[in-house]
Amino acid sequence: MKANTLISCSVFTGLFEIKGFYSDMENFQDIDFISIVIASLRLNKISWVESFVGKYKSKLINEFKKDTVNLIKALISFEKKEYDSAIEFLNKVNYQNSYYYLKSKETLMQVYFEQQEYEALQSLIDSTRHYLNRRRDVLSIHYERYMMFLKYLGMLLKSVYTDKSNLIILKKRA
């Protein structure tokens, strides 16, 4: 996301909260909840996210509440660079659907990269790619996004070991 989009998202989300939009809602859709958290974390609004989750997690539909909260706690822990904690929360996420699986694996890949666990990362890249190729219920937009993510992460990983020219390609495409 571009910076101005993220700022607009943050202002918009803040206005929703100030105007009581969230508190007036009977239920919160899990994907909407996660999206608000992700956008806010990208703006480094960690304490706001923690407060938001504390205030509104009770409005999540029970079927998704536990997994949504664990996924969000993993995302927060990752942003705080508390990688072991992030892994613990990710291990508690049940894959309600392909979104939970893919978002959990994406976060775990980021943790492995930060911890320089390159062999585990390569294995996870491969297994996630196989998952995407086997699953027909993954939305095409998610399929394309995650295949692209895996492609560039693979190039980045390869450059760590040997070929630094991949970094130049990645920088040009960023």
Protein backbone atom coordinates (compact mmCIF):
# COMPACT_ATOMS: atom_id res chain seq x y z
CA MET A 1 0.00 0.00 0.00
CA LYS A 2 1.11 3.51 -0.68
CA ALA A 3 1.72 5.84 2.25
CA ASN A 4 -1.16 8.19 1.42
CA THR A 5 -3.56 5.23 1.16
CA LEU A 6 -2.41 3.96 4.55
CA ILE A 7 -2.77 7.38 6.14
CA SER A 8 -6.27 7.73 4.66
CA CYS A 9 -7.07 4.25 5.96
CA SER A 10 -5.82 5.17 9.42
CA VAL A 11 -7.79 8.44 9.51
CA PHE A 12 -10.90 6.68 8.21
CA THR A 13 -10.59 3.88 10.77
CA GLY A 14 -10.00 6.41 13.55
CA LEU A 15 -13.11 8.34 12.50
CA PHE A 16 -15.13 5.14 12.54
CA GLU A 17 -14.07 4.58 16.10
CA ILE A 18 -14.65 8.18 17.21
CA LYS A 19 -18.13 8.23 15.67
CA GLY A 20 -19.03 4.97 17.42
CA PHE A 21 -19.38 2.94 14.24
CA TYR A 22 -17.52 -0.05 15.69
CA SER A 23 -19.26 0.06 19.06
CA ASP A 24 -22.67 0.21 17.34
CA MET A 25 -21.95 -2.92 15.31
CA GLU A 26 -23.52 -6.12 16.53
CA ASN A 27 -20.88 -8.35 14.92
CA PHE A 28 -17.54 -7.84 13.24
CA GLN A 29 -16.62 -9.89 10.18
CA ASP A 30 -13.29 -11.60 10.80
CA ILE A 31 -11.69 -10.54 7.51
CA ASP A 32 -12.70 -6.89 8.05
CA PHE A 33 -11.26 -7.03 11.56
CA ILE A 34 -7.97 -8.50 10.30
CA SER A 35 -7.79 -5.92 7.48
CA ILE A 36 -8.12 -3.03 9.94
CA VAL A 37 -5.35 -4.56 12.04
CA ILE A 38 -3.02 -5.10 9.07
CA ALA A 39 -3.51 -1.55 7.75
CA SER A 40 -2.88 -0.09 11.20
CA LEU A 41 0.21 -2.23 11.78
CA ARG A 42 1.63 -1.00 8.49
CA LEU A 43 1.38 2.48 9.98
CA ASN A 44 3.16 1.18 13.08
CA LYS A 45 0.08 1.82 15.26
CA ILE A 46 0.77 -1.17 17.51
CA SER A 47 -0.73 0.22 20.70
CA TRP A 48 -3.83 1.39 18.83
CA VAL A 49 -4.21 -2.12 17.38
CA GLU A 50 -3.86 -3.71 20.81
CA SER A 51 -6.50 -1.35 22.17
CA PHE A 52 -8.79 -1.96 19.17
CA VAL A 53 -8.51 -5.73 19.56
CA GLY A 54 -9.15 -5.53 23.29
CA LYS A 55 -12.24 -3.37 22.75
CA TYR A 56 -13.86 -5.15 19.84
CA LYS A 57 -12.79 -8.82 19.82
CA SER A 58 -16.01 -9.67 21.67
CA LYS A 59 -17.89 -8.58 18.54
CA LEU A 60 -16.24 -11.24 16.40
CA ILE A 61 -18.44 -14.14 15.39
CA ASN A 62 -17.72 -16.98 17.83
CA GLU A 63 -16.89 -19.43 15.05
CA PHE A 64 -13.88 -17.30 14.02
CA LYS A 65 -13.04 -15.41 17.21
CA LYS A 66 -10.29 -17.64 18.63
CA ASP A 67 -8.46 -18.04 15.32
CA THR A 68 -8.82 -14.38 14.39
CA VAL A 69 -7.43 -13.24 17.74
CA ASN A 70 -4.51 -15.71 17.56
CA LEU A 71 -3.67 -14.60 14.02
CA ILE A 72 -3.82 -10.94 15.05
CA LYS A 73 -1.65 -11.58 18.12
CA ALA A 74 0.87 -13.27 15.82
CA LEU A 75 0.88 -10.22 13.53
CA ILE A 76 1.35 -7.88 16.49
CA SER A 77 4.16 -10.05 17.90
CA PHE A 78 5.88 -10.04 14.51
CA GLU A 79 5.73 -6.25 14.33
CA LYS A 80 7.22 -6.07 17.82
CA LYS A 81 9.99 -8.45 16.66
CA GLU A 82 8.83 -11.02 19.22
CA TYR A 83 9.28 -13.88 16.79
CA ASP A 84 8.97 -16.81 19.20
CA SER A 85 5.70 -15.40 20.47
CA ALA A 86 4.48 -14.93 16.89
CA ILE A 87 5.19 -18.59 16.17
CA GLU A 88 3.32 -19.65 19.32
CA PHE A 89 0.22 -17.72 18.25
CA LEU A 90 0.45 -19.01 14.68
CA ASN A 91 0.52 -22.57 16.02
CA LYS A 92 -2.85 -21.92 17.67
CA VAL A 93 -4.57 -20.82 14.45
CA ASN A 94 -6.92 -23.37 12.94
CA TYR A 95 -7.23 -22.95 9.22
CA GLN A 96 -10.94 -22.06 8.95
CA ASN A 97 -10.40 -21.36 5.27
CA SER A 98 -7.61 -20.71 2.81
CA TYR A 99 -7.22 -17.10 3.99
CA TYR A 100 -6.23 -18.17 7.51
CA TYR A 101 -3.84 -20.78 6.11
CA LEU A 102 -2.17 -18.38 3.68
CA LYS A 103 -1.94 -15.42 6.06
CA SER A 104 -0.49 -17.67 8.77
CA LYS A 105 2.08 -19.15 6.39
CA GLU A 106 3.00 -15.72 5.03
CA THR A 107 3.64 -14.48 8.55
CA LEU A 108 5.63 -17.59 9.42
CA MET A 109 7.76 -17.07 6.30
CA GLN A 110 8.48 -13.52 7.42
CA VAL A 111 9.49 -14.80 10.85
CA TYR A 112 11.78 -17.44 9.35
CA PHE A 113 13.42 -14.84 7.12
CA GLU A 114 14.01 -12.45 10.03
CA GLN A 115 15.44 -15.31 12.11
CA GLN A 116 17.60 -16.41 9.17
CA GLU A 117 16.00 -19.87 9.25
CA TYR A 118 16.53 -20.26 5.52
CA GLU A 119 16.11 -24.04 5.22
CA ALA A 120 12.79 -23.93 7.09
CA LEU A 121 11.78 -20.96 4.95
CA GLN A 122 12.56 -22.80 1.70
CA SER A 123 10.56 -25.80 2.86
CA LEU A 124 7.61 -23.57 3.78
CA ILE A 125 7.77 -21.79 0.42
CA ASP A 126 7.61 -25.16 -1.34
CA SER A 127 4.75 -26.52 0.76
CA THR A 128 2.73 -23.32 0.36
CA ARG A 129 3.25 -23.38 -3.40
CA HIS A 130 2.01 -26.99 -3.46
CA TYR A 131 -0.99 -26.01 -1.33
CA LEU A 132 -1.91 -23.26 -3.78
CA ASN A 133 -1.57 -25.57 -6.77
CA ARG A 134 -3.74 -28.27 -5.14
CA ARG A 135 -6.52 -26.04 -3.84
CA ARG A 136 -9.23 -25.01 -6.24
CA ASP A 137 -11.20 -23.01 -3.66
CA VAL A 138 -8.58 -20.25 -3.33
CA LEU A 139 -9.82 -17.01 -4.88
CA SER A 140 -7.83 -16.12 -7.99
CA ILE A 141 -6.77 -12.78 -6.48
CA HIS A 142 -5.31 -14.60 -3.46
CA TYR A 143 -3.74 -17.26 -5.68
CA GLU A 144 -1.97 -14.67 -7.84
CA ARG A 145 -0.90 -12.55 -4.87
CA TYR A 146 0.60 -15.45 -2.94
CA MET A 147 2.26 -17.00 -5.99
CA MET A 148 3.90 -13.63 -6.68
CA PHE A 149 4.90 -13.34 -3.02
CA LEU A 150 6.46 -16.83 -3.13
CA LYS A 151 8.27 -16.03 -6.38
CA TYR A 152 9.90 -12.88 -5.04
CA LEU A 153 10.61 -14.37 -1.64
CA GLY A 154 12.32 -17.28 -3.42
CA MET A 155 14.43 -14.82 -5.40
CA LEU A 156 15.33 -12.96 -2.21
CA LEU A 157 16.23 -16.21 -0.49
CA LYS A 158 18.37 -17.30 -3.44
CA SER A 159 20.24 -13.99 -3.31
CA VAL A 160 21.05 -14.63 0.37
CA TYR A 161 22.92 -17.77 -0.63
CA THR A 162 24.47 -16.98 -3.96
CA ASP A 163 23.16 -14.80 -6.71
CA LYS A 164 23.09 -11.14 -5.65
CA SER A 165 21.76 -10.13 -9.11
CA ASN A 166 18.28 -11.11 -7.92
CA LEU A 167 18.43 -8.21 -5.48
CA ILE A 168 18.86 -5.80 -8.38
CA ILE A 169 15.81 -7.29 -10.11
CA LEU A 170 13.79 -7.05 -6.90
CA LYS A 171 14.80 -3.42 -6.33
CA LYS A 172 13.79 -2.48 -9.90
CA ARG A 173 10.34 -4.05 -9.42
CA ALA A 174 9.71 -2.47 -6.02
